[in-house]
């Protein structure tokens, strides 16, 4: 699952780890810590996502639920402060706009 937050882009999958854990992956180490500050982030330079951490599925669900309940913006892209992340989301928005049924 790709998660686009205004302070992180994460890929969350069930891979390796313990049965009750999810693998939270990111291309930017800070993105994992922005969302899961206590997570132990590993560097995996030979994988497609360089950074990953194992977080309990319950914690992932709780944090993402609280994040959703805390939404206070009316335009997602405008809420993204990090320049490079904003640019990436803008490109993604354009790709998905072209994907949309016209």
Protein backbone atom coordinates (compact mmCIF):
# COMPACT_ATOMS: atom_id res chain seq x y z
CA UNK A 1 0.00 0.00 0.00
CA UNK A 2 1.34 3.40 -0.90
CA UNK A 3 0.63 6.07 1.66
CA UNK A 4 0.96 9.69 0.56
CA UNK A 5 1.07 11.95 3.60
CA UNK A 6 2.03 15.59 3.68
CA UNK A 7 5.19 14.70 5.60
CA UNK A 8 6.00 11.24 4.21
CA UNK A 9 5.68 8.86 1.31
CA UNK A 10 5.55 5.27 2.55
CA UNK A 11 5.10 1.82 1.09
CA UNK A 12 3.62 -0.59 3.62
CA UNK A 13 3.67 -4.31 2.91
CA UNK A 14 3.57 -7.67 4.65
CA UNK A 15 7.12 -8.85 4.05
CA UNK A 16 9.66 -10.56 6.29
CA UNK A 17 9.30 -9.52 9.93
CA UNK A 18 7.15 -11.14 12.59
CA UNK A 19 3.59 -12.35 11.91
CA UNK A 20 2.06 -9.27 13.59
CA UNK A 21 4.37 -6.74 11.87
CA UNK A 22 4.24 -4.77 8.67
CA UNK A 23 7.26 -3.61 6.75
CA UNK A 24 7.18 0.18 6.41
CA UNK A 25 9.43 1.27 3.56
CA UNK A 26 10.53 4.70 2.38
CA UNK A 27 12.90 6.40 -0.01
CA UNK A 28 13.72 9.02 2.63
CA UNK A 29 14.68 7.87 6.14
CA UNK A 30 13.00 10.85 7.80
CA UNK A 31 9.68 9.88 6.27
CA UNK A 32 9.47 6.75 8.41
CA UNK A 33 10.45 8.66 11.54
CA UNK A 34 8.00 11.47 10.75
CA UNK A 35 5.16 8.97 11.04
CA UNK A 36 6.63 6.36 13.40
CA UNK A 37 9.11 8.28 15.59
CA UNK A 38 10.08 5.25 17.69
CA UNK A 39 10.70 2.94 14.73
CA UNK A 40 14.18 1.52 14.26
CA UNK A 41 14.95 2.40 10.65
CA UNK A 42 17.28 0.07 8.75
CA UNK A 43 19.27 1.04 5.69
CA UNK A 44 18.88 -1.47 2.86
CA UNK A 45 20.93 0.01 0.00
CA UNK A 46 20.36 -2.86 -2.42
CA UNK A 47 16.55 -2.86 -2.19
CA UNK A 48 14.21 -0.65 -4.17
CA UNK A 49 13.27 1.20 -0.96
CA UNK A 50 16.49 2.13 0.83
CA UNK A 51 14.89 2.50 4.25
CA UNK A 52 12.58 0.19 6.15
CA UNK A 53 11.29 -0.54 9.60
CA UNK A 54 9.09 -3.23 11.06
CA UNK A 55 6.09 -1.87 12.93
CA UNK A 56 3.22 -3.78 14.49
CA UNK A 57 0.14 -3.81 12.28
CA UNK A 58 -1.86 -2.47 15.22
CA UNK A 59 0.46 0.53 15.55
CA UNK A 60 0.34 1.19 11.81
CA UNK A 61 -3.47 1.13 11.87
CA UNK A 62 -3.63 3.37 14.95
CA UNK A 63 -1.21 5.97 13.58
CA UNK A 64 -2.83 6.08 10.14
CA UNK A 65 -6.31 6.31 11.67
CA UNK A 66 -5.23 9.22 13.88
CA UNK A 67 -3.60 10.90 10.90
CA UNK A 68 -6.84 10.66 8.93
CA UNK A 69 -8.87 12.00 11.85
CA UNK A 70 -6.44 14.93 12.14
CA UNK A 71 -6.74 16.16 8.56
CA UNK A 72 -7.21 19.94 8.70
CA UNK A 73 -6.39 21.05 5.15
CA UNK A 74 -8.62 21.56 2.13
CA UNK A 75 -5.89 20.96 -0.46
CA UNK A 76 -3.46 18.10 0.07
CA UNK A 77 -0.65 19.21 -2.26
CA UNK A 78 -0.65 22.69 -0.73
CA UNK A 79 -0.15 21.14 2.72
CA UNK A 80 3.16 19.51 1.70
CA UNK A 81 6.06 21.63 2.97
CA UNK A 82 9.04 19.55 1.79
CA UNK A 83 9.86 20.87 -1.70
CA UNK A 84 11.01 17.58 -3.27
CA UNK A 85 8.05 15.68 -1.87
CA UNK A 86 5.67 18.37 -3.16
CA UNK A 87 7.24 18.11 -6.61
CA UNK A 88 6.94 14.32 -6.60
CA UNK A 89 3.28 14.49 -5.58
CA UNK A 90 2.60 17.09 -8.28
CA UNK A 91 4.02 14.74 -10.90
CA UNK A 92 2.02 11.85 -9.44
CA UNK A 93 -1.12 14.02 -9.52
CA UNK A 94 -0.52 14.69 -13.22
CA UNK A 95 -0.03 11.01 -14.02
CA UNK A 96 -3.20 10.05 -12.18
CA UNK A 97 -5.13 12.89 -13.82
CA UNK A 98 -4.23 11.45 -17.22
CA UNK A 99 -5.27 8.00 -15.93
CA UNK A 100 -8.70 9.30 -14.94
CA UNK A 101 -11.64 8.56 -17.22
CA UNK A 102 -12.18 11.65 -19.31
